[in-house]
Amino acid sequence: MRPGVASGQREGYAAALTGLWKRLAWALTELESIAADPTELFDEDGVLQRLPSLQYALHAASELALGLRPPAGAEVAHAELAAALAGARDATAEIAEVLEHGGGIAAEALLPEWRGSLFRVRLARLRVASPKPLPAEDASEPGPPARGDALAATLLALSGAALFAAGATLELWPVWALGLALFAGGVLVYSPRP
């Protein structure tokens, strides 16, 4: 069986995303390691030397994502990925600018937002990579026919409990035994559905 146009487009898109992710993975890992350790921000010179190349990797990935044409049904997830990459790029630029002008203490206040934008990139990647769930089945299929077992079991249990209580109160053992038998019959009549 030959692959159709849609499957070829989907495979090409998946290959392009794999290439994008291979280029971006090392940069994202580096950025996350910087963001995870606030003390690393106080080595301003070291971080400022590393950030431009990492920021460029985010920029290149963002531009590449904008140039890709997603297959049908993946447009929303793809737009989320492109927006997440642009957001991470901008947050990284903001961290670099604050580090350069205000130092590590000023940049520390921006860490939660920066971590969030980096996490958003990973989350968007997962959403693009995971297949869409199958559509739910129509609810037009009729359910199983209603059975009177539950009603009969309830009536037997209630009447059996009433007769049992009356027989015990009046000290009439045949009424007491009949109530107990009706109650047990209620348990036996009802069979839960699988």
C-alpha atoms as a PDB file:
ATOM      1  CA  MET A   1       0.000   0.000   0.000  1.00  0.00           C
ATOM      2  CA  ARG A   2       1.419   3.389  -0.995  1.00  0.00           C
ATOM      3  CA  PRO A   3       1.488   6.219   1.518  1.00  0.00           C
ATOM      4  CA  GLY A   4      -1.008   8.930   0.719  1.00  0.00           C
ATOM      5  CA  VAL A   5      -0.454  12.647   0.633  1.00  0.00           C
ATOM      6  CA  ALA A   6      -1.640  13.102   4.211  1.00  0.00           C
ATOM      7  CA  SER A   7       0.614  10.398   5.635  1.00  0.00           C
ATOM      8  CA  GLY A   8       3.586  11.766   3.689  1.00  0.00           C
ATOM      9  CA  GLN A   9       2.915  15.244   5.032  1.00  0.00           C
ATOM     10  CA  ARG A  10       2.587  13.857   8.558  1.00  0.00           C
ATOM     11  CA  GLU A  11       5.869  11.935   8.255  1.00  0.00           C
ATOM     12  CA  GLY A  12       7.661  14.986   6.844  1.00  0.00           C
ATOM     13  CA  TYR A  13       6.315  17.118   9.664  1.00  0.00           C
ATOM     14  CA  ALA A  14       7.397  14.550  12.258  1.00  0.00           C
ATOM     15  CA  ALA A  15      10.886  14.404  10.732  1.00  0.00           C
ATOM     16  CA  ALA A  16      11.138  18.207  10.755  1.00  0.00           C
ATOM     17  CA  LEU A  17      10.052  18.303  14.407  1.00  0.00           C
ATOM     18  CA  THR A  18      12.626  15.654  15.272  1.00  0.00           C
ATOM     19  CA  GLY A  19      15.337  17.742  13.625  1.00  0.00           C
ATOM     20  CA  LEU A  20      14.122  20.856  15.422  1.00  0.00           C
ATOM     21  CA  TRP A  21      14.164  19.065  18.749  1.00  0.00           C
ATOM     22  CA  LYS A  22      17.642  17.597  18.194  1.00  0.00           C
ATOM     23  CA  ARG A  23      18.992  21.101  17.604  1.00  0.00           C
ATOM     24  CA  LEU A  24      17.138  22.535  20.556  1.00  0.00           C
ATOM     25  CA  ALA A  25      17.510  19.803  23.196  1.00  0.00           C
ATOM     26  CA  TRP A  26      21.039  20.704  24.298  1.00  0.00           C
ATOM     27  CA  ALA A  27      20.200  24.408  24.544  1.00  0.00           C
ATOM     28  CA  LEU A  28      17.037  23.762  26.512  1.00  0.00           C
ATOM     29  CA  THR A  29      18.905  21.442  28.880  1.00  0.00           C
ATOM     30  CA  GLU A  30      21.593  24.092  29.432  1.00  0.00           C
ATOM     31  CA  LEU A  31      19.021  26.805  30.007  1.00  0.00           C
ATOM     32  CA  GLU A  32      17.111  24.631  32.465  1.00  0.00           C
ATOM     33  CA  SER A  33      20.305  23.865  34.388  1.00  0.00           C
ATOM     34  CA  ILE A  34      21.029  27.598  34.691  1.00  0.00           C
ATOM     35  CA  ALA A  35      17.438  28.315  35.727  1.00  0.00           C
ATOM     36  CA  ALA A  36      17.393  25.454  38.238  1.00  0.00           C
ATOM     37  CA  ASP A  37      20.363  26.768  40.228  1.00  0.00           C
ATOM     38  CA  PRO A  38      19.864  30.376  41.373  1.00  0.00           C
ATOM     39  CA  THR A  39      23.466  30.545  42.617  1.00  0.00           C
ATOM     40  CA  GLU A  40      24.630  30.175  39.020  1.00  0.00           C
ATOM     41  CA  LEU A  41      23.131  33.586  38.267  1.00  0.00           C
ATOM     42  CA  PHE A  42      25.665  35.174  40.596  1.00  0.00           C
ATOM     43  CA  ASP A  43      28.438  34.045  38.230  1.00  0.00           C
ATOM     44  CA  GLU A  44      27.208  36.769  35.917  1.00  0.00           C
ATOM     45  CA  ASP A  45      30.162  36.708  33.533  1.00  0.00           C
ATOM     46  CA  GLY A  46      29.975  32.941  33.000  1.00  0.00           C
ATOM     47  CA  VAL A  47      26.224  32.981  32.448  1.00  0.00           C
ATOM     48  CA  LEU A  48      26.397  36.033  30.194  1.00  0.00           C
ATOM     49  CA  GLN A  49      28.950  34.243  28.007  1.00  0.00           C
ATOM     50  CA  ARG A  50      26.705  31.169  27.669  1.00  0.00           C
ATOM     51  CA  LEU A  51      23.317  32.854  27.210  1.00  0.00           C
ATOM     52  CA  PRO A  52      23.754  34.387  23.711  1.00  0.00           C
ATOM     53  CA  SER A  53      24.344  31.049  21.977  1.00  0.00           C
ATOM     54  CA  LEU A  54      21.505  29.430  23.919  1.00  0.00           C
ATOM     55  CA  GLN A  55      19.224  32.330  23.124  1.00  0.00           C
ATOM     56  CA  TYR A  56      20.141  32.026  19.448  1.00  0.00           C
ATOM     57  CA  ALA A  57      19.255  28.312  19.539  1.00  0.00           C
ATOM     58  CA  LEU A  58      15.799  29.254  20.846  1.00  0.00           C
ATOM     59  CA  HIS A  59      15.500  31.938  18.162  1.00  0.00           C
ATOM     60  CA  ALA A  60      16.484  29.528  15.375  1.00  0.00           C
ATOM     61  CA  ALA A  61      14.052  26.889  16.664  1.00  0.00           C
ATOM     62  CA  SER A  62      11.294  29.480  16.867  1.00  0.00           C
ATOM     63  CA  GLU A  63      11.914  30.573  13.275  1.00  0.00           C
ATOM     64  CA  LEU A  64      12.049  26.964  12.091  1.00  0.00           C
ATOM     65  CA  ALA A  65       8.771  26.193  13.856  1.00  0.00           C
ATOM     66  CA  LEU A  66       7.134  29.165  12.167  1.00  0.00           C
ATOM     67  CA  GLY A  67       8.326  27.856   8.797  1.00  0.00           C
ATOM     68  CA  LEU A  68       6.789  24.401   9.268  1.00  0.00           C
ATOM     69  CA  ARG A  69       3.338  23.635   7.981  1.00  0.00           C
ATOM     70  CA  PRO A  70       1.540  21.287  10.376  1.00  0.00           C
ATOM     71  CA  PRO A  71      -0.747  18.541   9.102  1.00  0.00           C
ATOM     72  CA  ALA A  72      -4.488  18.843   9.516  1.00  0.00           C
ATOM     73  CA  GLY A  73      -5.547  18.560  13.131  1.00  0.00           C
ATOM     74  CA  ALA A  74      -2.178  19.618  14.557  1.00  0.00           C
ATOM     75  CA  GLU A  75      -2.483  23.350  13.939  1.00  0.00           C
ATOM     76  CA  VAL A  76      -3.359  24.283  17.537  1.00  0.00           C
ATOM     77  CA  ALA A  77      -0.562  22.211  19.080  1.00  0.00           C
ATOM     78  CA  HIS A  78       1.914  23.564  16.528  1.00  0.00           C
ATOM     79  CA  ALA A  79       0.882  27.162  17.228  1.00  0.00           C
ATOM     80  CA  GLU A  80       1.348  26.457  20.936  1.00  0.00           C
ATOM     81  CA  LEU A  81       4.867  25.147  20.262  1.00  0.00           C
ATOM     82  CA  ALA A  82       5.791  28.202  18.193  1.00  0.00           C
ATOM     83  CA  ALA A  83       4.418  30.538  20.874  1.00  0.00           C
ATOM     84  CA  ALA A  84       6.245  28.638  23.635  1.00  0.00           C
ATOM     85  CA  LEU A  85       9.545  28.869  21.751  1.00  0.00           C
ATOM     86  CA  ALA A  86       9.082  32.600  21.189  1.00  0.00           C
ATOM     87  CA  GLY A  87       8.147  33.073  24.850  1.00  0.00           C
ATOM     88  CA  ALA A  88      11.219  31.163  26.052  1.00  0.00           C
ATOM     89  CA  ARG A  89      13.412  33.182  23.704  1.00  0.00           C
ATOM     90  CA  ASP A  90      11.992  36.450  25.029  1.00  0.00           C
ATOM     91  CA  ALA A  91      12.260  35.355  28.670  1.00  0.00           C
ATOM     92  CA  THR A  92      15.894  34.336  28.108  1.00  0.00           C
ATOM     93  CA  ALA A  93      16.611  37.726  26.527  1.00  0.00           C
ATOM     94  CA  GLU A  94      15.001  39.437  29.498  1.00  0.00           C
ATOM     95  CA  ILE A  95      17.121  37.404  31.947  1.00  0.00           C
ATOM     96  CA  ALA A  96      20.271  38.284  29.993  1.00  0.00           C
ATOM     97  CA  GLU A  97      19.394  41.976  29.973  1.00  0.00           C
ATOM     98  CA  VAL A  98      18.607  42.058  33.692  1.00  0.00           C
ATOM     99  CA  LEU A  99      21.797  40.130  34.479  1.00  0.00           C
ATOM    100  CA  GLU A 100      23.840  42.574  32.454  1.00  0.00           C
ATOM    101  CA  HIS A 101      22.328  45.710  33.964  1.00  0.00           C
ATOM    102  CA  GLY A 102      21.031  44.679  37.397  1.00  0.00           C
ATOM    103  CA  GLY A 103      23.050  41.636  38.393  1.00  0.00           C
ATOM    104  CA  GLY A 104      22.118  38.250  39.806  1.00  0.00           C
ATOM    105  CA  ILE A 105      19.910  39.555  42.606  1.00  0.00           C
ATOM    106  CA  ALA A 106      17.654  41.407  40.174  1.00  0.00           C
ATOM    107  CA  ALA A 107      17.561  38.424  37.797  1.00  0.00           C
ATOM    108  CA  GLU A 108      16.579  36.060  40.601  1.00  0.00           C
ATOM    109  CA  ALA A 109      13.122  37.648  40.711  1.00  0.00           C
ATOM    110  CA  LEU A 110      12.539  36.608  37.090  1.00  0.00           C
ATOM    111  CA  LEU A 111      13.508  32.950  37.619  1.00  0.00           C
ATOM    112  CA  PRO A 112       9.980  31.529  38.133  1.00  0.00           C
ATOM    113  CA  GLU A 113       8.733  33.132  34.922  1.00  0.00           C
ATOM    114  CA  TRP A 114      11.807  31.924  33.034  1.00  0.00           C
ATOM    115  CA  ARG A 115      11.449  28.369  34.350  1.00  0.00           C
ATOM    116  CA  GLY A 116       7.784  28.436  33.396  1.00  0.00           C
ATOM    117  CA  SER A 117       8.544  29.503  29.839  1.00  0.00           C
ATOM    118  CA  LEU A 118      11.155  26.742  29.480  1.00  0.00           C
ATOM    119  CA  PHE A 119       8.705  24.195  30.866  1.00  0.00           C
ATOM    120  CA  ARG A 120       6.061  25.448  28.449  1.00  0.00           C
ATOM    121  CA  VAL A 121       8.383  24.531  25.555  1.00  0.00           C
ATOM    122  CA  ARG A 122       8.663  20.944  26.798  1.00  0.00           C
ATOM    123  CA  LEU A 123       4.921  20.734  27.380  1.00  0.00           C
ATOM    124  CA  ALA A 124       4.159  22.071  23.907  1.00  0.00           C
ATOM    125  CA  ARG A 125       6.569  19.548  22.418  1.00  0.00           C
ATOM    126  CA  LEU A 126       4.740  16.718  24.185  1.00  0.00           C
ATOM    127  CA  ARG A 127       1.416  17.967  22.889  1.00  0.00           C
ATOM    128  CA  VAL A 128       2.732  18.117  19.333  1.00  0.00           C
ATOM    129  CA  ALA A 129       4.367  14.691  19.601  1.00  0.00           C
ATOM    130  CA  SER A 130       1.477  12.815  21.223  1.00  0.00           C
ATOM    131  CA  PRO A 131      -1.191  11.483  18.901  1.00  0.00           C
ATOM    132  CA  LYS A 132      -4.681  12.872  19.065  1.00  0.00           C
ATOM    133  CA  PRO A 133      -7.153  10.646  20.918  1.00  0.00           C
ATOM    134  CA  LEU A 134      -9.627   8.708  18.860  1.00  0.00           C
ATOM    135  CA  PRO A 135     -13.048  10.312  18.557  1.00  0.00           C
ATOM    136  CA  ALA A 136     -15.560   9.146  21.115  1.00  0.00           C
ATOM    137  CA  GLU A 137     -18.156   6.659  20.009  1.00  0.00           C
ATOM    138  CA  ASP A 138     -21.622   7.966  19.287  1.00  0.00           C
ATOM    139  CA  ALA A 139     -24.053   7.752  22.147  1.00  0.00           C
ATOM    140  CA  SER A 140     -26.775   6.738  19.669  1.00  0.00           C
ATOM    141  CA  GLU A 141     -26.281   3.086  20.581  1.00  0.00           C
ATOM    142  CA  PRO A 142     -29.148   2.180  22.911  1.00  0.00           C
ATOM    143  CA  GLY A 143     -28.258   1.025  26.379  1.00  0.00           C
ATOM    144  CA  PRO A 144     -29.312  -2.326  27.756  1.00  0.00           C
ATOM    145  CA  PRO A 145     -33.034  -2.650  28.380  1.00  0.00           C
ATOM    146  CA  ALA A 146     -34.184  -1.751  31.868  1.00  0.00           C
ATOM    147  CA  ARG A 147     -34.738  -4.761  34.062  1.00  0.00           C
ATOM    148  CA  GLY A 148     -37.095  -4.954  36.999  1.00  0.00           C
ATOM    149  CA  ASP A 149     -34.589  -6.901  39.100  1.00  0.00           C
ATOM    150  CA  ALA A 150     -33.471  -3.861  41.044  1.00  0.00           C
ATOM    151  CA  LEU A 151     -37.033  -2.775  41.816  1.00  0.00           C
ATOM    152  CA  ALA A 152     -38.075  -6.284  42.837  1.00  0.00           C
ATOM    153  CA  ALA A 153     -35.006  -6.681  45.041  1.00  0.00           C
ATOM    154  CA  THR A 154     -35.684  -3.334  46.733  1.00  0.00           C
ATOM    155  CA  LEU A 155     -39.350  -4.176  47.381  1.00  0.00           C
ATOM    156  CA  LEU A 156     -38.457  -7.625  48.722  1.00  0.00           C
ATOM    157  CA  ALA A 157     -35.752  -6.223  50.992  1.00  0.00           C
ATOM    158  CA  LEU A 158     -37.990  -3.441  52.372  1.00  0.00           C
ATOM    159  CA  SER A 159     -41.013  -5.677  52.941  1.00  0.00           C
ATOM    160  CA  GLY A 160     -38.783  -8.378  54.424  1.00  0.00           C
ATOM    161  CA  ALA A 161     -37.202  -5.889  56.819  1.00  0.00           C
ATOM    162  CA  ALA A 162     -40.647  -4.601  57.864  1.00  0.00           C
ATOM    163  CA  LEU A 163     -41.990  -8.137  58.444  1.00  0.00           C
ATOM    164  CA  PHE A 164     -38.837  -9.119  60.315  1.00  0.00           C
ATOM    165  CA  ALA A 165     -39.150  -6.079  62.594  1.00  0.00           C
ATOM    166  CA  ALA A 166     -42.883  -6.719  63.154  1.00  0.00           C
ATOM    167  CA  GLY A 167     -42.301 -10.402  63.896  1.00  0.00           C
ATOM    168  CA  ALA A 168     -39.502  -9.644  66.325  1.00  0.00           C
ATOM    169  CA  THR A 169     -41.572  -6.951  68.085  1.00  0.00           C
ATOM    170  CA  LEU A 170     -44.694  -9.127  68.360  1.00  0.00           C
ATOM    171  CA  GLU A 171     -42.632 -12.215  69.162  1.00  0.00           C
ATOM    172  CA  LEU A 172     -44.227 -14.177  66.295  1.00  0.00           C
ATOM    173  CA  TRP A 173     -41.496 -16.355  64.910  1.00  0.00           C
ATOM    174  CA  PRO A 174     -43.335 -17.369  61.676  1.00  0.00           C
ATOM    175  CA  VAL A 175     -43.696 -13.666  60.705  1.00  0.00           C
ATOM    176  CA  TRP A 176     -40.092 -13.097  61.732  1.00  0.00           C
ATOM    177  CA  ALA A 177     -38.927 -16.037  59.556  1.00  0.00           C
ATOM    178  CA  LEU A 178     -41.059 -14.867  56.599  1.00  0.00           C
ATOM    179  CA  GLY A 179     -39.482 -11.383  56.841  1.00  0.00           C
ATOM    180  CA  LEU A 180     -36.012 -12.903  56.903  1.00  0.00           C
ATOM    181  CA  ALA A 181     -36.853 -15.072  53.866  1.00  0.00           C
ATOM    182  CA  LEU A 182     -38.188 -12.074  51.906  1.00  0.00           C
ATOM    183  CA  PHE A 183     -35.092 -10.056  52.744  1.00  0.00           C
ATOM    184  CA  ALA A 184     -32.832 -12.927  51.579  1.00  0.00           C
ATOM    185  CA  GLY A 185     -34.965 -13.271  48.435  1.00  0.00           C
ATOM    186  CA  GLY A 186     -34.246  -9.625  47.636  1.00  0.00           C
ATOM    187  CA  VAL A 187     -30.529 -10.339  47.718  1.00  0.00           C
ATOM    188  CA  LEU A 188     -30.947 -13.397  45.480  1.00  0.00           C
ATOM    189  CA  VAL A 189     -33.209 -11.690  42.912  1.00  0.00           C
ATOM    190  CA  TYR A 190     -30.842  -8.841  42.144  1.00  0.00           C
ATOM    191  CA  SER A 191     -27.861  -9.737  39.973  1.00  0.00           C
ATOM    192  CA  PRO A 192     -25.639  -6.741  39.149  1.00  0.00           C
ATOM    193  CA  ARG A 193     -24.717  -6.235  35.508  1.00  0.00           C
ATOM    194  CA  PRO A 194     -21.127  -6.810  34.478  1.00  0.00           C
END
